[in-house]
Amino acid sequence: MDGRLARGEESRRAVLSRATDIASVEGLDGLTIGRLATELGLSKSGIFALFGSKEDLQLAAVEFAERVFTERVVEPALAEPVGLARLRALMARWLDYSRSRVFPGGCFFAAVSAEFDAREGRVHDAITDGQVRWVALVERLVAEAVRVGELEPSTDVAQVAFELDAVCRAANARAVLTGSEVPYGQARAAIARRLG
């Protein structure tokens, strides 16, 4: 990679890192090319050249946050053995991701989902697609635990996945709002009870 491309990629990563931090607290509408240029000491034209429009910046932030989430939560969990170990690891890593404030506002996706849930457009669709993939992953891991005999054959896979996701989201929302660590412990206890 030549020097200009490397610098461009480095600038892009820096912009997206700051953009996702801002969006996790203030929402994707809080992102402006001018604000990012000022905070990062870059030119507006340079950031515009990287993204083209506010909507493209928002879409790139969603994609960047998904990569961070995948690296921090999904990939390590999928390295665990198939069954409850993998499912428990996924939920534990989700809670750790929120608790450790990978993004200052807790879960990036909880923040932007609330912001865009009733809207239409490309950003809404990107957020929705990510959430659909997440739920499908949780359902797949629940189904695997059933298949290997660690959950009852009669388990309602979609219902268990819904409950696990809901518990994690509730812990994130309450912990971010109150600044308390207690909701994470409560979520871990609820997950442990639900998975037996």
Protein backbone atom coordinates (compact mmCIF):
# COMPACT_ATOMS: atom_id res chain seq x y z
CA MET A 1 0.00 0.00 0.00
CA ASP A 2 1.49 3.34 -0.93
CA GLY A 3 1.85 6.12 1.63
CA ARG A 4 -1.18 8.14 0.55
CA LEU A 5 -3.49 5.11 0.70
CA ALA A 6 -2.13 4.14 4.11
CA ARG A 7 -2.64 7.69 5.42
CA GLY A 8 -6.14 7.78 3.94
CA GLU A 9 -7.03 4.48 5.64
CA GLU A 10 -5.54 5.71 8.92
CA SER A 11 -7.58 8.92 8.67
CA ARG A 12 -10.71 6.94 7.85
CA ARG A 13 -10.23 4.72 10.91
CA ALA A 14 -9.62 7.73 13.16
CA VAL A 15 -12.75 9.48 11.87
CA LEU A 16 -14.89 6.34 12.27
CA SER A 17 -13.54 5.63 15.74
CA ARG A 18 -14.49 9.13 16.89
CA ALA A 19 -17.78 9.02 14.98
CA THR A 20 -18.90 5.80 16.67
CA ASP A 21 -17.95 7.19 20.08
CA ILE A 22 -20.05 10.30 19.45
CA ALA A 23 -22.97 8.34 18.01
CA SER A 24 -23.08 5.97 20.99
CA VAL A 25 -23.78 8.97 23.23
CA GLU A 26 -25.50 11.54 20.98
CA GLY A 27 -26.83 9.43 18.13
CA LEU A 28 -25.91 9.35 14.47
CA ASP A 29 -27.57 12.72 13.93
CA GLY A 30 -24.88 14.16 16.22
CA LEU A 31 -22.29 13.46 13.56
CA THR A 32 -21.20 16.32 11.37
CA ILE A 33 -18.24 16.57 9.07
CA GLY A 34 -17.38 19.96 10.59
CA ARG A 35 -17.39 18.66 14.15
CA LEU A 36 -15.23 15.65 13.28
CA ALA A 37 -12.80 17.85 11.35
CA THR A 38 -12.43 20.20 14.31
CA GLU A 39 -12.07 17.46 16.93
CA LEU A 40 -9.57 15.45 14.88
CA GLY A 41 -7.62 18.37 13.41
CA LEU A 42 -8.51 17.37 9.84
CA SER A 43 -9.91 19.43 7.01
CA LYS A 44 -13.62 19.31 6.20
CA SER A 45 -12.74 18.66 2.58
CA GLY A 46 -10.54 15.73 3.61
CA ILE A 47 -13.35 14.11 5.61
CA PHE A 48 -15.82 14.87 2.82
CA ALA A 49 -13.46 13.14 0.37
CA LEU A 50 -13.45 10.05 2.63
CA PHE A 51 -17.24 9.81 3.01
CA GLY A 52 -19.01 12.11 0.57
CA SER A 53 -22.09 12.87 2.65
CA LYS A 54 -23.43 12.76 6.19
CA GLU A 55 -25.50 9.70 5.33
CA ASP A 56 -22.45 7.89 3.94
CA LEU A 57 -20.59 8.81 7.13
CA GLN A 58 -23.46 7.40 9.22
CA LEU A 59 -23.48 4.18 7.18
CA ALA A 60 -19.71 3.84 7.53
CA ALA A 61 -20.03 4.35 11.30
CA VAL A 62 -22.61 1.56 11.53
CA GLU A 63 -20.33 -0.75 9.53
CA PHE A 64 -17.31 0.18 11.66
CA ALA A 65 -19.24 -0.46 14.90
CA GLU A 66 -20.32 -3.86 13.55
CA ARG A 67 -16.67 -4.76 12.92
CA VAL A 68 -15.72 -3.71 16.44
CA PHE A 69 -18.62 -5.72 17.89
CA THR A 70 -17.71 -8.76 15.82
CA GLU A 71 -14.07 -8.60 16.91
CA ARG A 72 -14.88 -8.03 20.61
CA VAL A 73 -17.96 -10.22 21.04
CA VAL A 74 -18.75 -12.62 18.22
CA GLU A 75 -15.38 -13.99 17.10
CA PRO A 76 -14.10 -14.86 20.60
CA ALA A 77 -17.40 -16.49 21.52
CA LEU A 78 -17.44 -18.58 18.34
CA ALA A 79 -14.04 -19.98 19.33
CA GLU A 80 -15.75 -21.78 22.24
CA PRO A 81 -17.08 -25.34 21.88
CA VAL A 82 -20.51 -25.74 20.26
CA GLY A 83 -23.36 -25.74 22.76
CA LEU A 84 -24.00 -23.86 25.96
CA ALA A 85 -20.34 -22.88 26.37
CA ARG A 86 -20.50 -20.92 23.12
CA LEU A 87 -23.90 -19.40 23.89
CA ARG A 88 -22.87 -18.38 27.40
CA ALA A 89 -19.64 -16.90 26.04
CA LEU A 90 -21.58 -14.83 23.52
CA MET A 91 -23.85 -13.38 26.19
CA ALA A 92 -20.96 -12.80 28.63
CA ARG A 93 -18.93 -11.02 25.97
CA TRP A 94 -21.95 -8.86 25.04
CA LEU A 95 -22.28 -7.76 28.66
CA ASP A 96 -18.52 -7.16 28.91
CA TYR A 97 -18.66 -5.09 25.71
CA SER A 98 -21.29 -2.83 27.26
CA ARG A 99 -19.75 -2.76 30.76
CA SER A 100 -16.25 -1.90 29.53
CA ARG A 101 -17.62 0.98 27.46
CA VAL A 102 -16.01 -0.07 24.20
CA PHE A 103 -18.23 2.79 23.07
CA PRO A 104 -18.74 5.53 25.72
CA GLY A 105 -22.53 5.32 25.45
CA GLY A 106 -22.62 1.57 26.07
CA CYS A 107 -23.94 -0.50 23.20
CA PHE A 108 -23.63 1.50 19.99
CA PHE A 109 -26.52 -0.44 18.44
CA ALA A 110 -28.90 0.13 21.34
CA ALA A 111 -28.33 3.86 20.97
CA VAL A 112 -28.73 4.11 17.22
CA SER A 113 -31.60 1.60 17.06
CA ALA A 114 -33.66 3.82 19.33
CA GLU A 115 -32.77 6.81 17.19
CA PHE A 116 -33.69 5.21 13.85
CA ASP A 117 -36.35 2.62 14.71
CA ALA A 118 -39.28 4.64 13.37
CA ARG A 119 -37.46 6.16 10.38
CA GLU A 120 -37.01 4.95 6.85
CA GLY A 121 -33.95 4.97 4.66
CA ARG A 122 -30.54 3.46 4.16
CA VAL A 123 -29.27 4.05 7.69
CA HIS A 124 -32.39 2.49 9.21
CA ASP A 125 -32.01 -0.48 6.87
CA ALA A 126 -28.33 -0.96 7.76
CA ILE A 127 -29.10 -0.92 11.48
CA THR A 128 -32.01 -3.31 10.96
CA ASP A 129 -29.90 -5.70 8.88
CA GLY A 130 -27.31 -5.81 11.65
CA GLN A 131 -29.95 -6.54 14.27
CA VAL A 132 -31.47 -9.29 12.11
CA ARG A 133 -28.02 -10.90 11.75
CA TRP A 134 -27.44 -10.65 15.52
CA VAL A 135 -30.75 -12.32 16.40
CA ALA A 136 -30.12 -15.02 13.78
CA LEU A 137 -26.73 -15.70 15.38
CA VAL A 138 -28.22 -16.00 18.87
CA GLU A 139 -30.95 -18.29 17.51
CA ARG A 140 -28.32 -20.41 15.75
CA LEU A 141 -26.35 -20.84 18.96
CA VAL A 142 -29.49 -21.74 20.94
CA ALA A 143 -30.39 -24.27 18.23
CA GLU A 144 -26.87 -25.74 18.39
CA ALA A 145 -27.23 -26.19 22.17
CA VAL A 146 -30.50 -28.05 21.53
CA ARG A 147 -28.89 -30.17 18.83
CA VAL A 148 -26.02 -31.27 21.07
CA GLY A 149 -28.44 -32.13 23.88
CA GLU A 150 -27.56 -29.31 26.28
CA LEU A 151 -31.01 -27.70 26.01
CA GLU A 152 -34.30 -29.58 25.92
CA PRO A 153 -35.55 -30.66 22.47
CA SER A 154 -38.79 -28.75 23.16
CA THR A 155 -36.90 -25.45 23.59
CA ASP A 156 -38.53 -22.56 21.74
CA VAL A 157 -35.35 -21.32 20.05
CA ALA A 158 -36.73 -17.95 18.93
CA GLN A 159 -38.19 -17.25 22.37
CA VAL A 160 -34.97 -18.06 24.22
CA ALA A 161 -32.97 -15.89 21.79
CA PHE A 162 -35.43 -13.05 22.32
CA GLU A 163 -35.13 -13.32 26.08
CA LEU A 164 -31.33 -13.42 26.06
CA ASP A 165 -31.14 -10.38 23.78
CA ALA A 166 -33.73 -8.53 25.89
CA VAL A 167 -31.82 -9.18 29.12
CA CYS A 168 -28.58 -7.85 27.63
CA ARG A 169 -30.30 -4.78 26.23
CA ALA A 170 -32.03 -4.07 29.55
CA ALA A 171 -28.73 -4.36 31.43
CA ASN A 172 -27.06 -1.98 29.00
CA ALA A 173 -29.86 0.58 29.17
CA ARG A 174 -30.10 0.55 32.95
CA ALA A 175 -26.35 0.57 33.53
CA VAL A 176 -25.75 3.44 31.10
CA LEU A 177 -28.60 5.46 32.59
CA THR A 178 -27.71 4.92 36.24
CA GLY A 179 -23.95 4.38 36.08
CA SER A 180 -24.44 1.24 38.17
CA GLU A 181 -22.74 -2.12 37.58
CA VAL A 182 -25.63 -3.94 39.28
CA PRO A 183 -27.65 -4.53 36.09
CA TYR A 184 -24.78 -6.55 34.60
CA GLY A 185 -24.82 -8.93 37.57
CA GLN A 186 -28.59 -9.18 37.35
CA ALA A 187 -28.34 -9.95 33.63
CA ARG A 188 -25.73 -12.66 34.23
CA ALA A 189 -27.98 -14.22 36.86
CA ALA A 190 -31.00 -14.11 34.54
CA ILE A 191 -29.03 -15.70 31.70
CA ALA A 192 -27.69 -18.42 34.00
CA ARG A 193 -31.24 -19.24 35.18
CA ARG A 194 -32.62 -19.24 31.64
CA LEU A 195 -29.92 -21.53 30.29
CA GLY A 196 -30.00 -23.88 33.30
